[in-house]
C-alpha atoms as a PDB file:
ATOM      1  CA  MET A   1       0.078   0.340   0.144  1.00  0.00           C
ATOM      2  CA  PRO A   2       1.420   3.322  -0.761  1.00  0.00           C
ATOM      3  CA  THR A   3       2.217   6.068   1.760  1.00  0.00           C
ATOM      4  CA  VAL A   4       0.402   8.776   0.808  1.00  0.00           C
ATOM      5  CA  TYR A   5       2.427  12.723   1.343  1.00  0.00           C
ATOM      6  CA  VAL A   6       0.501  15.255   2.479  1.00  0.00           C
ATOM      7  CA  ASP A   7       2.072  19.199   1.739  1.00  0.00           C
ATOM      8  CA  GLY A   8      -0.223  20.514   4.484  1.00  0.00           C
ATOM      9  CA  ASP A   9       0.722  24.159   4.431  1.00  0.00           C
ATOM     10  CA  ALA A  10      -3.015  25.601   3.535  1.00  0.00           C
ATOM     11  CA  CYS A  11      -3.785  22.110   1.732  1.00  0.00           C
ATOM     12  CA  PRO A  12      -7.919  21.884   1.599  1.00  0.00           C
ATOM     13  CA  VAL A  13      -8.326  17.925   1.604  1.00  0.00           C
ATOM     14  CA  LYS A  14      -6.380  16.868   4.345  1.00  0.00           C
ATOM     15  CA  ASP A  15      -9.337  15.330   6.284  1.00  0.00           C
ATOM     16  CA  GLU A  16     -10.493  13.493   2.667  1.00  0.00           C
ATOM     17  CA  VAL A  17      -6.571  12.438   2.682  1.00  0.00           C
ATOM     18  CA  TYR A  18      -7.705  10.889   5.956  1.00  0.00           C
ATOM     19  CA  ARG A  19     -11.035   9.292   5.625  1.00  0.00           C
ATOM     20  CA  VAL A  20     -10.101   7.571   2.479  1.00  0.00           C
ATOM     21  CA  ALA A  21      -6.274   6.316   3.467  1.00  0.00           C
ATOM     22  CA  GLY A  22      -8.394   5.489   6.518  1.00  0.00           C
ATOM     23  CA  ARG A  23     -10.484   2.433   4.566  1.00  0.00           C
ATOM     24  CA  TYR A  24      -7.261   1.025   2.991  1.00  0.00           C
ATOM     25  CA  ALA A  25      -5.052   1.305   6.072  1.00  0.00           C
ATOM     26  CA  ALA A  26      -2.558   3.300   4.062  1.00  0.00           C
ATOM     27  CA  ARG A  27      -0.487   5.547   6.520  1.00  0.00           C
ATOM     28  CA  VAL A  28      -0.385   9.544   5.802  1.00  0.00           C
ATOM     29  CA  VAL A  29       2.578  11.869   6.533  1.00  0.00           C
ATOM     30  CA  VAL A  30       1.577  15.055   6.680  1.00  0.00           C
ATOM     31  CA  VAL A  31       4.494  17.677   6.248  1.00  0.00           C
ATOM     32  CA  ALA A  32       3.916  21.078   7.477  1.00  0.00           C
ATOM     33  CA  ASN A  33       6.741  24.905   8.082  1.00  0.00           C
ATOM     34  CA  ALA A  34       4.805  24.425  11.320  1.00  0.00           C
ATOM     35  CA  THR A  35       3.290  22.513  14.079  1.00  0.00           C
ATOM     36  CA  LEU A  36      -0.761  21.577  12.600  1.00  0.00           C
ATOM     37  CA  ARG A  37      -3.585  18.445  14.243  1.00  0.00           C
ATOM     38  CA  VAL A  38      -3.749  15.417  12.774  1.00  0.00           C
ATOM     39  CA  PRO A  39      -5.388  12.468  13.290  1.00  0.00           C
ATOM     40  CA  ALA A  40      -4.668  10.519  16.795  1.00  0.00           C
ATOM     41  CA  ASP A  41      -3.933   7.465  14.308  1.00  0.00           C
ATOM     42  CA  PRO A  42      -1.478   5.273  14.404  1.00  0.00           C
ATOM     43  CA  ALA A  43      -1.018   5.537  10.847  1.00  0.00           C
ATOM     44  CA  VAL A  44      -0.991   9.525  10.449  1.00  0.00           C
ATOM     45  CA  GLU A  45       2.238  11.161  11.400  1.00  0.00           C
ATOM     46  CA  LEU A  46       3.027  14.350  11.311  1.00  0.00           C
ATOM     47  CA  VAL A  47       6.376  15.857  10.556  1.00  0.00           C
ATOM     48  CA  VAL A  48       7.624  19.670  10.895  1.00  0.00           C
ATOM     49  CA  ARG A  49      10.197  21.586   9.119  1.00  0.00           C
ATOM     50  CA  PRO A  50      11.055  24.892   9.709  1.00  0.00           C
ATOM     51  CA  GLY A  51      11.843  27.163   7.414  1.00  0.00           C
ATOM     52  CA  PHE A  52      10.962  28.219   3.513  1.00  0.00           C
ATOM     53  CA  GLY A  53      11.441  25.133   0.825  1.00  0.00           C
ATOM     54  CA  ALA A  54      11.869  22.887   3.914  1.00  0.00           C
ATOM     55  CA  ALA A  55       8.713  20.984   4.461  1.00  0.00           C
ATOM     56  CA  ASP A  56       9.171  20.782   0.078  1.00  0.00           C
ATOM     57  CA  ASP A  57      12.570  19.535   0.263  1.00  0.00           C
ATOM     58  CA  TRP A  58      11.540  16.960   3.043  1.00  0.00           C
ATOM     59  CA  ILE A  59       8.598  15.734   0.915  1.00  0.00           C
ATOM     60  CA  ALA A  60      10.891  15.556  -2.752  1.00  0.00           C
ATOM     61  CA  GLU A  61      13.805  13.495  -0.670  1.00  0.00           C
ATOM     62  CA  THR A  62      11.754  11.375   1.099  1.00  0.00           C
ATOM     63  CA  ILE A  63       8.751   9.944  -1.745  1.00  0.00           C
ATOM     64  CA  GLY A  64       9.234   6.978  -3.640  1.00  0.00           C
ATOM     65  CA  PRO A  65       8.287   5.142  -6.844  1.00  0.00           C
ATOM     66  CA  GLY A  66       4.303   4.320  -5.892  1.00  0.00           C
ATOM     67  CA  ASN A  67       3.515   6.600  -3.303  1.00  0.00           C
ATOM     68  CA  VAL A  68       0.726   9.774  -3.227  1.00  0.00           C
ATOM     69  CA  ALA A  69       2.042  12.838  -3.049  1.00  0.00           C
ATOM     70  CA  VAL A  70      -1.754  15.189  -2.109  1.00  0.00           C
ATOM     71  CA  THR A  71       0.449  18.435  -3.376  1.00  0.00           C
ATOM     72  CA  ALA A  72      -0.882  21.920  -4.984  1.00  0.00           C
ATOM     73  CA  ASP A  73       2.540  23.539  -5.615  1.00  0.00           C
ATOM     74  CA  VAL A  74       3.735  22.509  -9.171  1.00  0.00           C
ATOM     75  CA  PRO A  75       7.545  22.396  -8.895  1.00  0.00           C
ATOM     76  CA  LEU A  76       6.989  19.934  -5.165  1.00  0.00           C
ATOM     77  CA  ALA A  77       4.793  17.376  -7.445  1.00  0.00           C
ATOM     78  CA  ALA A  78       7.731  17.758 -10.287  1.00  0.00           C
ATOM     79  CA  ARG A  79      10.032  16.771  -8.079  1.00  0.00           C
ATOM     80  CA  CYS A  80       7.905  14.062  -7.328  1.00  0.00           C
ATOM     81  CA  VAL A  81       7.452  12.472 -10.505  1.00  0.00           C
ATOM     82  CA  ALA A  82      10.755  11.863 -10.954  1.00  0.00           C
ATOM     83  CA  ARG A  83      10.594  10.104  -7.831  1.00  0.00           C
ATOM     84  CA  GLY A  84       8.228   7.492  -9.066  1.00  0.00           C
ATOM     85  CA  ALA A  85       5.679   9.515  -7.036  1.00  0.00           C
ATOM     86  CA  VAL A  86       2.114   9.728  -8.495  1.00  0.00           C
ATOM     87  CA  VAL A  87       0.657  13.274  -7.833  1.00  0.00           C
ATOM     88  CA  LEU A  88      -2.999  14.413  -6.928  1.00  0.00           C
ATOM     89  CA  ASP A  89      -3.846  17.850  -6.799  1.00  0.00           C
ATOM     90  CA  PRO A  90      -6.763  19.220  -3.815  1.00  0.00           C
ATOM     91  CA  LYS A  91      -8.549  19.600  -6.651  1.00  0.00           C
ATOM     92  CA  GLY A  92      -8.065  16.226  -7.946  1.00  0.00           C
ATOM     93  CA  ARG A  93      -6.321  16.406 -11.296  1.00  0.00           C
ATOM     94  CA  VAL A  94      -3.921  13.922 -11.520  1.00  0.00           C
ATOM     95  CA  LEU A  95       0.232  14.570 -12.400  1.00  0.00           C
ATOM     96  CA  THR A  96       2.148  11.507 -13.572  1.00  0.00           C
ATOM     97  CA  GLU A  97       5.114  11.295 -15.979  1.00  0.00           C
ATOM     98  CA  ALA A  98       3.203  12.078 -18.686  1.00  0.00           C
ATOM     99  CA  THR A  99       1.214  15.111 -17.513  1.00  0.00           C
ATOM    100  CA  ILE A 100       3.612  16.562 -15.311  1.00  0.00           C
ATOM    101  CA  GLY A 101       5.690  18.577 -17.967  1.00  0.00           C
ATOM    102  CA  GLU A 102       2.151  20.670 -19.341  1.00  0.00           C
ATOM    103  CA  ALA A 103       1.560  21.566 -15.048  1.00  0.00           C
ATOM    104  CA  VAL A 104       5.103  23.095 -15.177  1.00  0.00           C
ATOM    105  CA  GLY A 105       4.857  24.271 -18.633  1.00  0.00           C
ATOM    106  CA  VAL A 106       1.434  26.206 -17.802  1.00  0.00           C
ATOM    107  CA  ARG A 107       3.157  27.704 -14.317  1.00  0.00           C
ATOM    108  CA  ASP A 108       5.735  28.779 -15.707  1.00  0.00           C
ATOM    109  CA  LEU A 109       3.613  30.663 -18.340  1.00  0.00           C
ATOM    110  CA  MET A 110       1.746  32.405 -15.262  1.00  0.00           C
ATOM    111  CA  ASP A 111       4.818  33.276 -13.402  1.00  0.00           C
ATOM    112  CA  HIS A 112       6.348  35.523 -16.327  1.00  0.00           C
ATOM    113  CA  LEU A 113       3.475  36.715 -16.987  1.00  0.00           C
ATOM    114  CA  ARG A 114       2.810  37.801 -13.897  1.00  0.00           C
ATOM    115  CA  GLN A 115       6.271  39.444 -13.873  1.00  0.00           C
ATOM    116  CA  ALA A 116       5.701  41.194 -17.226  1.00  0.00           C
ATOM    117  CA  GLY A 117       3.142  42.877 -14.976  1.00  0.00           C
ATOM    118  CA  ALA A 118       0.625  40.841 -15.941  1.00  0.00           C
ATOM    119  CA  THR A 119      -2.622  40.762 -13.625  1.00  0.00           C
ATOM    120  CA  THR A 120      -4.210  36.974 -14.014  1.00  0.00           C
ATOM    121  CA  GLY A 121      -5.759  36.438 -11.113  1.00  0.00           C
ATOM    122  CA  GLY A 122      -5.685  33.198  -8.387  1.00  0.00           C
ATOM    123  CA  PRO A 123      -6.647  30.254  -8.401  1.00  0.00           C
ATOM    124  CA  ALA A 124     -10.913  29.358  -8.763  1.00  0.00           C
ATOM    125  CA  PRO A 125     -11.707  29.070  -5.324  1.00  0.00           C
ATOM    126  CA  MET A 126     -12.627  24.833  -4.408  1.00  0.00           C
ATOM    127  CA  THR A 127     -15.668  23.412  -5.072  1.00  0.00           C
ATOM    128  CA  LYS A 128     -18.315  21.040  -3.895  1.00  0.00           C
ATOM    129  CA  ALA A 129     -16.688  19.112  -7.027  1.00  0.00           C
ATOM    130  CA  ASP A 130     -13.440  20.129  -7.239  1.00  0.00           C
ATOM    131  CA  ARG A 131     -13.863  17.667  -3.694  1.00  0.00           C
ATOM    132  CA  SER A 132     -15.912  14.980  -4.958  1.00  0.00           C
ATOM    133  CA  ARG A 133     -13.305  14.974  -7.643  1.00  0.00           C
ATOM    134  CA  PHE A 134      -9.950  14.843  -5.240  1.00  0.00           C
ATOM    135  CA  LEU A 135     -12.197  11.793  -3.110  1.00  0.00           C
ATOM    136  CA  GLY A 136     -13.116   9.954  -5.824  1.00  0.00           C
ATOM    137  CA  LYS A 137      -9.105   9.789  -7.410  1.00  0.00           C
ATOM    138  CA  LEU A 138      -7.351   9.090  -4.621  1.00  0.00           C
ATOM    139  CA  ASP A 139      -9.788   6.843  -3.980  1.00  0.00           C
ATOM    140  CA  GLU A 140      -9.360   4.969  -7.296  1.00  0.00           C
ATOM    141  CA  LEU A 141      -5.683   5.461  -6.900  1.00  0.00           C
ATOM    142  CA  LEU A 142      -5.215   3.272  -3.295  1.00  0.00           C
ATOM    143  CA  SER A 143      -7.559   1.196  -4.392  1.00  0.00           C
ATOM    144  CA  LYS A 144      -5.406  -0.262  -7.579  1.00  0.00           C
ATOM    145  CA  ALA A 145      -2.827  -0.275  -5.267  1.00  0.00           C
ATOM    146  CA  ALA A 146      -4.734  -1.887  -2.633  1.00  0.00           C
ATOM    147  CA  ARG A 147      -5.694  -4.736  -5.963  1.00  0.00           C
ATOM    148  CA  ALA A 148      -2.270  -4.563  -6.651  1.00  0.00           C
ATOM    149  CA  GLY A 149      -0.662  -6.015  -3.172  1.00  0.00           C
ATOM    150  CA  GLY A 150       0.979  -2.196  -3.023  1.00  0.00           C
END
């Protein structure tokens, strides 16, 4: 069974991760820059790494093939995919070797436009449909791993 690594700072779907991972008895590691409340469950671990980028670095250095990362941070997602992990963003988009290039390209383009002074707006707020899509995709990923015996 894969371990689910959660980029915990500002993650809007932590409760959903705990619920789905609990159904599959999957280990969850929440990584953050500061202490967060996590369930009192032996399958849920909190790792605190203070400092800019320290939590991301810890995830990228620790995650391995077959694990799942939950993050909206595209550069972190690219690092996780490079280590063989599957990434799921909080809105239910799965990022793999086949799709990470496009995500990085769009992120870099938007960053370039912002630096050039364009008003690009921020990400759309989370909706019930986003949350539902996330739940479905995480369940699908963990179910597939359970069937494969991983």
